[in-house]
Amino acid sequence: MIDPVQLTAALIKCPSVTPADAGALDVLQQALEGLGFSCQRLPFGGKEDDREGEARIDNLYARIGQQAPHICFAGHTDVVPTGDLTAWHDDPFGGTLRNGAIWGRGAADMKGAIAAFVSAVEGFLETETLAGSISFLITGDEEGPSVNGTVKMVEWLRQNGEVIDGCIVGEPTNPNKMGEMIKIGRRGSVNGVITVNGTQGHVAYPHLANNPVPSAIALAQSLIQEKLDDGTEHFQPSNLEITSFDVGNMTTNVIPALASVRFNIRYNDLWDRASITSWINARLDLATINASFDLSLSHTADCFRTEKAPFVGHLVSAITEVTGRTPELSTSGGTSDARFIKDICPVVEFGLIGQTMHMVDEHVPTEAITQLRDIYRKTLKRYFSQ
């Protein structure tokens, strides 16, 4: 029997900070091959130590069964850095069991969920007949640039005729207790950089220079002084945040040559890439400035919502049976690799409790991992009995 808590510990002991794999996929592949899965490693990228998008990322696709329906579990074994090691009470890569919880980087986000689904599949295969296919789509690039992970695996699936009918992403969706929330969609996201071009000069002779800072302030003010919308039936109001304002000026007597403003917009289903881009340009055109500027936009996610998919109801029923709670179907929060998977099949997210994800002393109750295993197993039984 695969103990999901012990498998979580084995995965945590692999210090797989993006882009390093550190043996995490080897641990997972060994467990899956023992269950009869056919495993394929899918490395993408080139450089070994480049976190800006070209790092070599190891990924894993594992499948058992050859026919429809085909349900997939998607996740990531990479984790964020630990931060100050002296602030941790336990080794962040020790997988320590203490006080009814397992401690370490990735416990909640999301090595515990991966282990729970592996254990759930084992239990399902022991007692049920697999009338379809189950797969794992596991990347090592979710916490990093996300360019050599799931997005390229999805393209590989298309090229190789792999058809998935539904996918569960094991992100830690529950705020406080197991069974509180399923993510059935996400807002879109766009990052913007405004670079205002001035003319450097002495502060005592401003007529010989052109200070870009007032223009940068005016542009930023124009963006934030009008709200985008009031929200929709399924999404909260769209939101713009100024995330950085920089001039790179270390002196007090020099007018800077450049000023930059960085911002992010999380937008709902009233918008798409084209309309949000038009809104940004229209707002900037309203600003009164005396300098030229350049705008750079990076669209990192489209807004989506999984409308109707049978496995969503199966997941809700399994959650209620195990926890006694009826989960909220939510579209809140940030982005995940579901933004890539939604292009090939219906996708939702459900995993562990997210209170400590990315924090010092990340941990999750061991009971939550076993509950998640039971939820996943009951979901599989319902899915293949439909």
Protein backbone atom coordinates (compact mmCIF):
# COMPACT_ATOMS: atom_id res chain seq x y z
CA MET A 1 0.00 0.00 0.00
CA ILE A 2 1.19 3.49 -0.84
CA ASP A 3 0.92 5.66 2.26
CA PRO A 4 0.16 9.18 0.96
CA VAL A 5 1.83 10.83 3.96
CA GLN A 6 5.04 8.84 3.50
CA LEU A 7 5.02 9.55 -0.24
CA THR A 8 4.55 13.26 0.56
CA ALA A 9 7.59 13.08 2.84
CA ALA A 10 9.65 11.39 0.12
CA LEU A 11 8.75 14.14 -2.34
CA ILE A 12 9.47 16.92 0.18
CA LYS A 13 12.94 15.46 0.75
CA CYS A 14 13.73 16.32 -2.89
CA PRO A 15 14.75 20.03 -2.81
CA SER A 16 13.07 20.75 -6.14
CA VAL A 17 13.22 24.54 -6.17
CA THR A 18 12.42 25.69 -9.71
CA PRO A 19 14.04 24.78 -12.09
CA ALA A 20 15.73 21.89 -10.21
CA ASP A 21 14.02 18.50 -10.15
CA ALA A 22 16.28 17.03 -7.45
CA GLY A 23 14.87 13.54 -7.95
CA ALA A 24 11.22 14.36 -7.28
CA LEU A 25 9.99 13.00 -10.60
CA ASP A 26 12.06 9.84 -10.09
CA VAL A 27 10.22 9.22 -6.82
CA LEU A 28 6.87 9.77 -8.50
CA GLN A 29 7.69 7.72 -11.59
CA GLN A 30 8.79 4.75 -9.49
CA ALA A 31 5.50 4.80 -7.59
CA LEU A 32 3.41 5.08 -10.79
CA GLU A 33 5.29 2.39 -12.70
CA GLY A 34 4.66 0.11 -9.75
CA LEU A 35 0.93 0.64 -10.37
CA GLY A 36 1.22 -0.19 -14.07
CA PHE A 37 1.46 3.31 -15.53
CA SER A 38 3.39 3.94 -18.72
CA CYS A 39 5.64 6.93 -17.99
CA GLN A 40 7.29 9.40 -20.36
CA ARG A 41 9.70 12.11 -19.32
CA LEU A 42 9.26 15.30 -21.31
CA PRO A 43 12.20 17.68 -20.86
CA PHE A 44 11.90 21.12 -22.49
CA GLY A 45 14.30 24.05 -22.54
CA GLY A 46 18.05 24.25 -22.74
CA LYS A 47 20.07 26.03 -20.07
CA GLU A 48 20.51 24.39 -16.69
CA ASP A 49 20.45 27.49 -14.49
CA ASP A 50 18.37 30.15 -16.29
CA ARG A 51 15.18 31.06 -14.41
CA GLU A 52 14.09 33.54 -17.07
CA GLY A 53 12.56 31.04 -19.45
CA GLU A 54 15.25 28.89 -21.05
CA ALA A 55 16.04 26.58 -18.15
CA ARG A 56 15.79 22.87 -18.90
CA ILE A 57 12.66 21.61 -17.16
CA ASP A 58 11.94 17.94 -16.59
CA ASN A 59 8.26 16.97 -16.82
CA LEU A 60 6.36 13.69 -16.52
CA TYR A 61 3.35 12.28 -18.35
CA ALA A 62 2.05 8.95 -17.06
CA ARG A 63 -1.01 7.05 -18.27
CA ILE A 64 -2.78 3.81 -17.55
CA GLY A 65 -5.54 2.64 -19.88
CA GLN A 66 -6.05 3.31 -23.58
CA GLN A 67 -9.71 4.20 -23.94
CA ALA A 68 -12.14 6.95 -23.03
CA PRO A 69 -13.21 8.39 -20.74
CA HIS A 70 -9.84 9.79 -19.77
CA ILE A 71 -9.40 11.74 -16.54
CA CYS A 72 -6.12 13.49 -15.75
CA PHE A 73 -4.50 14.77 -12.58
CA ALA A 74 -2.22 17.76 -13.16
CA GLY A 75 0.30 19.14 -10.73
CA HIS A 76 3.83 20.33 -10.11
CA THR A 77 6.73 19.01 -8.09
CA ASP A 78 8.70 22.26 -8.18
CA VAL A 79 8.55 24.54 -5.15
CA VAL A 80 9.41 28.13 -4.26
CA PRO A 81 12.64 28.96 -2.37
CA THR A 82 12.71 28.49 1.39
CA GLY A 83 13.64 32.03 2.37
CA ASP A 84 15.50 32.48 5.65
CA LEU A 85 16.51 28.97 6.73
CA THR A 86 17.07 30.10 10.32
CA ALA A 87 13.38 30.99 10.58
CA TRP A 88 12.29 27.38 9.98
CA HIS A 89 11.65 25.16 12.99
CA ASP A 90 12.29 22.04 10.91
CA ASP A 91 14.40 21.23 7.90
CA PRO A 92 12.34 22.59 4.97
CA PHE A 93 13.35 19.53 2.98
CA GLY A 94 13.09 17.05 5.84
CA GLY A 95 9.46 15.96 5.49
CA THR A 96 9.15 16.00 9.29
CA LEU A 97 6.08 14.48 10.95
CA ARG A 98 5.20 16.48 14.05
CA ASN A 99 2.03 17.47 15.92
CA GLY A 100 -0.27 15.68 13.51
CA ALA A 101 1.15 17.44 10.47
CA ILE A 102 3.85 17.03 7.85
CA TRP A 103 6.26 19.94 7.59
CA GLY A 104 8.38 21.12 4.69
CA ARG A 105 8.46 23.12 1.49
CA GLY A 106 5.81 21.81 -0.86
CA ALA A 107 3.71 20.03 1.75
CA ALA A 108 0.65 22.09 0.89
CA ASP A 109 1.69 23.36 -2.53
CA MET A 110 1.47 20.71 -3.81
CA LYS A 111 3.40 17.53 -3.13
CA GLY A 112 0.77 16.37 -0.65
CA ALA A 113 -1.94 16.47 -3.31
CA ILE A 114 0.19 14.53 -5.79
CA ALA A 115 0.82 11.82 -3.19
CA ALA A 116 -2.89 11.73 -2.31
CA PHE A 117 -3.90 11.13 -5.94
CA VAL A 118 -1.29 8.39 -6.39
CA SER A 119 -2.60 6.62 -3.30
CA ALA A 120 -6.19 7.16 -4.46
CA VAL A 121 -5.44 5.55 -7.83
CA GLU A 122 -3.81 2.58 -6.13
CA GLY A 123 -6.89 2.03 -3.97
CA PHE A 124 -9.20 2.45 -6.94
CA LEU A 125 -7.31 -0.04 -9.11
CA GLU A 126 -7.34 -2.61 -6.31
CA THR A 127 -11.11 -2.65 -5.98
CA GLU A 128 -12.56 -1.38 -9.27
CA THR A 129 -12.31 -2.13 -12.97
CA LEU A 130 -10.76 0.73 -14.93
CA ALA A 131 -13.21 1.39 -17.76
CA GLY A 132 -11.18 4.18 -19.32
CA SER A 133 -7.87 5.92 -18.64
CA ILE A 134 -6.15 7.81 -15.83
CA SER A 135 -3.14 10.02 -16.35
CA PHE A 136 -0.74 12.31 -14.50
CA LEU A 137 0.52 15.54 -16.06
CA ILE A 138 3.31 16.71 -13.75
CA THR A 139 5.58 19.67 -14.41
CA GLY A 140 8.65 21.16 -12.78
CA ASP A 141 7.96 24.72 -13.95
CA GLU A 142 4.74 25.94 -12.31
CA GLU A 143 6.40 28.14 -9.70
CA GLY A 144 8.85 29.59 -12.24
CA PRO A 145 8.46 31.21 -15.65
CA SER A 146 5.97 28.51 -16.73
CA VAL A 147 7.31 28.35 -20.28
CA ASN A 148 8.90 24.88 -20.40
CA GLY A 149 6.33 23.03 -18.35
CA THR A 150 2.60 22.48 -18.73
CA VAL A 151 2.18 24.84 -21.68
CA LYS A 152 4.59 22.73 -23.76
CA MET A 153 3.23 19.46 -22.37
CA VAL A 154 -0.24 20.47 -23.58
CA GLU A 155 1.15 21.04 -27.06
CA TRP A 156 2.88 17.64 -26.87
CA LEU A 157 -0.45 16.02 -25.97
CA ARG A 158 -2.06 17.59 -29.03
CA GLN A 159 0.73 16.48 -31.33
CA ASN A 160 0.60 12.92 -30.03
CA GLY A 161 -3.16 12.49 -30.15
CA GLU A 162 -3.62 12.30 -26.39
CA VAL A 163 -7.25 13.29 -25.66
CA ILE A 164 -8.21 14.16 -22.10
CA ASP A 165 -11.88 14.40 -21.13
CA GLY A 166 -11.46 16.13 -17.78
CA CYS A 167 -8.68 17.31 -15.49
CA ILE A 168 -8.25 17.98 -11.78
CA VAL A 169 -5.37 20.25 -10.79
CA GLY A 170 -4.17 19.60 -7.24
CA GLU A 171 -3.62 23.20 -6.16
CA PRO A 172 -4.32 23.97 -2.46
CA THR A 173 -7.80 25.45 -2.93
CA ASN A 174 -9.18 25.21 0.61
CA PRO A 175 -8.75 28.37 2.74
CA ASN A 176 -9.09 26.80 6.20
CA LYS A 177 -10.66 23.34 6.15
CA MET A 178 -10.86 20.47 3.70
CA GLY A 179 -13.89 20.61 1.45
CA GLU A 180 -14.45 24.35 1.51
CA MET A 181 -13.67 25.30 -2.08
CA ILE A 182 -13.23 24.06 -5.64
CA LYS A 183 -11.78 26.44 -8.22
CA ILE A 184 -13.86 26.21 -11.40
CA GLY A 185 -12.18 29.12 -13.19
CA ARG A 186 -9.65 31.91 -12.90
CA ARG A 187 -9.38 35.57 -13.79
CA GLY A 188 -7.21 36.76 -16.63
CA SER A 189 -3.89 38.45 -15.87
CA VAL A 190 -1.81 41.04 -17.69
CA ASN A 191 1.42 42.69 -16.55
CA GLY A 192 2.32 46.14 -17.82
CA VAL A 193 5.48 48.28 -17.82
CA ILE A 194 5.34 51.96 -18.70
CA THR A 195 8.74 53.53 -19.39
CA VAL A 196 8.72 57.33 -19.50
CA ASN A 197 11.56 58.97 -21.41
CA GLY A 198 12.95 62.20 -20.00
CA THR A 199 16.17 64.15 -20.25
CA GLN A 200 18.68 63.94 -17.43
CA GLY A 201 19.93 67.18 -15.93
CA HIS A 202 20.84 69.18 -12.84
CA VAL A 203 17.98 69.90 -10.45
CA ALA A 204 19.10 73.56 -10.26
CA TYR A 205 18.64 73.92 -14.02
CA PRO A 206 15.32 72.19 -14.78
CA HIS A 207 14.87 74.17 -18.00
CA LEU A 208 17.78 72.18 -19.43
CA ALA A 209 16.20 68.85 -18.56
CA ASN A 210 12.85 67.07 -18.79
CA ASN A 211 11.81 65.29 -15.62
CA PRO A 212 9.95 62.04 -16.46
CA VAL A 213 8.61 61.55 -12.92
CA PRO A 214 5.57 63.89 -13.12
CA SER A 215 4.53 62.27 -16.40
CA ALA A 216 4.92 58.80 -14.88
CA ILE A 217 2.76 59.88 -11.94
CA ALA A 218 0.10 61.23 -14.30
CA LEU A 219 0.03 58.01 -16.30
CA ALA A 220 -0.24 55.89 -13.16
CA GLN A 221 -2.96 58.15 -11.79
CA SER A 222 -4.95 57.83 -15.00
CA LEU A 223 -4.87 54.04 -14.71
CA ILE A 224 -6.06 53.86 -11.12
CA GLN A 225 -8.67 56.62 -10.97
CA GLU A 226 -11.36 54.64 -12.82
CA LYS A 227 -12.47 51.15 -11.79
CA LEU A 228 -12.75 48.58 -14.51
CA ASP A 229 -16.10 47.04 -13.54
CA ASP A 230 -18.33 45.91 -10.67
CA GLY A 231 -17.82 42.19 -11.15
CA THR A 232 -20.07 39.58 -12.74
CA GLU A 233 -22.20 36.66 -11.63
CA HIS A 234 -19.23 34.33 -11.41
CA PHE A 235 -16.26 36.69 -10.93
CA GLN A 236 -15.25 39.42 -8.52
CA PRO A 237 -14.54 42.94 -9.83
CA SER A 238 -11.48 43.32 -12.03
CA ASN A 239 -8.59 44.98 -10.25
CA LEU A 240 -5.51 47.00 -11.21
CA GLU A 241 -2.55 47.32 -8.86
CA ILE A 242 0.54 49.47 -9.28
CA THR A 243 3.33 47.11 -8.25
CA SER A 244 6.45 49.24 -8.73
CA PHE A 245 7.50 52.84 -9.40
CA ASP A 246 11.19 53.24 -10.21
CA VAL A 247 13.61 55.90 -11.38
CA GLY A 248 16.91 54.30 -10.40
CA ASN A 249 18.15 57.62 -9.06
CA MET A 250 20.63 57.39 -6.17
CA THR A 251 21.36 61.12 -5.92
CA THR A 252 19.44 64.18 -4.79
CA ASN A 253 20.69 66.70 -7.33
CA VAL A 254 20.06 64.90 -10.63
CA ILE A 255 16.84 64.85 -12.63
CA PRO A 256 16.52 61.25 -13.87
CA ALA A 257 16.39 60.29 -17.52
CA LEU A 258 13.84 57.51 -17.12
CA ALA A 259 10.94 56.57 -14.87
CA SER A 260 9.06 53.29 -15.01
CA VAL A 261 5.70 52.15 -13.66
CA ARG A 262 4.79 48.48 -13.34
CA PHE A 263 1.24 47.27 -12.88
CA ASN A 264 -0.89 44.13 -12.96
CA ILE A 265 -4.56 43.71 -13.84
CA ARG A 266 -6.59 40.67 -12.83
CA TYR A 267 -9.72 40.80 -14.98
CA ASN A 268 -13.01 38.93 -15.12
CA ASP A 269 -15.14 37.56 -17.95
CA LEU A 270 -16.21 41.01 -19.11
CA TRP A 271 -12.78 41.32 -20.70
CA ASP A 272 -10.39 39.50 -22.98
CA ARG A 273 -6.84 40.26 -24.14
CA ALA A 274 -7.94 42.66 -26.86
CA SER A 275 -10.48 44.63 -24.81
CA ILE A 276 -8.25 44.96 -21.73
CA THR A 277 -5.41 46.18 -23.96
CA SER A 278 -7.71 48.78 -25.51
CA TRP A 279 -8.82 49.95 -22.06
CA ILE A 280 -5.22 50.40 -20.91
CA ASN A 281 -4.29 52.41 -24.01
CA ALA A 282 -7.41 54.56 -23.71
CA ARG A 283 -6.67 55.39 -20.07
CA LEU A 284 -3.05 56.31 -20.84
CA ASP A 285 -4.19 58.55 -23.71
CA LEU A 286 -6.19 60.61 -21.21
CA ALA A 287 -3.12 61.54 -19.15
CA THR A 288 -1.61 65.00 -19.58
CA ILE A 289 2.14 64.54 -19.90
CA ASN A 290 5.16 66.34 -21.35
CA ALA A 291 7.30 63.31 -22.19
CA SER A 292 7.13 60.28 -24.45
CA PHE A 293 6.61 56.81 -23.07
CA ASP A 294 6.72 53.16 -24.11
CA LEU A 295 4.20 50.53 -23.01
CA SER A 296 5.01 46.83 -22.75
CA LEU A 297 2.26 44.31 -21.95
CA SER A 298 2.64 40.65 -21.05
CA HIS A 299 -0.57 38.61 -21.04
CA THR A 300 0.02 35.66 -18.70
CA ALA A 301 -3.48 34.18 -18.42
CA ASP A 302 -6.91 34.33 -20.02
CA CYS A 303 -10.09 34.43 -17.99
CA PHE A 304 -11.97 31.12 -18.06
CA ARG A 305 -14.68 29.18 -16.27
CA THR A 306 -15.51 25.50 -16.51
CA GLU A 307 -19.22 25.67 -17.33
CA LYS A 308 -20.50 22.11 -17.13
CA ALA A 309 -18.52 18.91 -16.73
CA PRO A 310 -19.82 15.66 -15.19
CA PHE A 311 -16.71 15.13 -13.08
CA VAL A 312 -17.35 18.40 -11.23
CA GLY A 313 -20.52 16.95 -9.76
CA HIS A 314 -18.70 13.72 -8.90
CA LEU A 315 -16.01 15.72 -7.11
CA VAL A 316 -18.58 17.76 -5.17
CA SER A 317 -20.40 14.59 -4.07
CA ALA A 318 -17.14 12.95 -2.96
CA ILE A 319 -16.12 16.03 -0.97
CA THR A 320 -19.47 16.14 0.80
CA GLU A 321 -19.34 12.43 1.60
CA VAL A 322 -15.84 12.64 3.10
CA THR A 323 -15.95 16.03 4.84
CA GLY A 324 -19.65 16.77 5.32
CA ARG A 325 -19.18 20.11 3.54
CA THR A 326 -20.60 21.41 0.27
CA PRO A 327 -17.72 23.20 -1.44
CA GLU A 328 -18.02 26.69 -2.86
CA LEU A 329 -17.46 26.77 -6.63
CA SER A 330 -15.07 29.70 -6.84
CA THR A 331 -13.09 31.69 -9.41
CA SER A 332 -11.06 33.67 -6.87
CA GLY A 333 -7.30 33.78 -6.45
CA GLY A 334 -4.36 33.94 -8.79
CA THR A 335 -3.31 31.83 -11.75
CA SER A 336 -2.31 28.19 -12.07
CA ASP A 337 -1.45 25.76 -14.84
CA ALA A 338 -5.18 25.29 -15.32
CA ARG A 339 -4.90 28.32 -17.62
CA PHE A 340 -3.08 26.11 -20.13
CA ILE A 341 -5.09 22.92 -19.61
CA LYS A 342 -8.45 24.65 -20.18
CA ASP A 343 -7.53 24.83 -23.88
CA ILE A 344 -7.79 21.03 -24.26
CA CYS A 345 -10.42 19.89 -21.74
CA PRO A 346 -12.66 20.98 -18.85
CA VAL A 347 -10.52 21.64 -15.78
CA VAL A 348 -11.05 22.37 -12.09
CA GLU A 349 -8.74 22.68 -9.12
CA PHE A 350 -9.02 20.95 -5.77
CA GLY A 351 -6.31 20.09 -3.30
CA LEU A 352 -5.18 20.69 0.25
CA ILE A 353 -5.44 23.62 2.70
CA GLY A 354 -3.50 26.64 1.48
CA GLN A 355 -2.93 28.57 4.71
CA THR A 356 0.85 28.02 4.82
CA MET A 357 1.76 27.68 1.14
CA HIS A 358 4.96 29.59 0.25
CA MET A 359 5.43 30.49 3.94
CA VAL A 360 8.16 29.64 6.42
CA ASP A 361 7.18 26.39 8.21
CA GLU A 362 4.86 25.28 5.42
CA HIS A 363 2.86 22.30 6.64
CA VAL A 364 -0.41 20.44 6.26
CA PRO A 365 -2.30 18.14 8.65
CA THR A 366 -1.75 14.49 7.83
CA GLU A 367 -5.51 13.95 8.23
CA ALA A 368 -6.07 16.41 5.36
CA ILE A 369 -3.86 14.32 3.07
CA THR A 370 -5.77 11.13 3.88
CA GLN A 371 -9.08 12.95 3.43
CA LEU A 372 -7.91 14.21 0.06
CA ARG A 373 -6.93 10.67 -0.94
CA ASP A 374 -10.41 9.45 -0.04
CA ILE A 375 -12.05 12.31 -1.98
CA TYR A 376 -9.98 11.59 -5.07
CA ARG A 377 -10.69 7.85 -4.85
CA LYS A 378 -14.44 8.35 -4.52
CA THR A 379 -14.35 10.81 -7.41
CA LEU A 380 -12.65 8.23 -9.62
CA LYS A 381 -15.22 5.58 -8.67
CA ARG A 382 -18.10 7.90 -9.52
CA TYR A 383 -16.44 9.08 -12.73
CA PHE A 384 -15.94 5.60 -14.16
CA SER A 385 -19.36 4.43 -13.04
CA GLN A 386 -21.26 7.23 -14.81
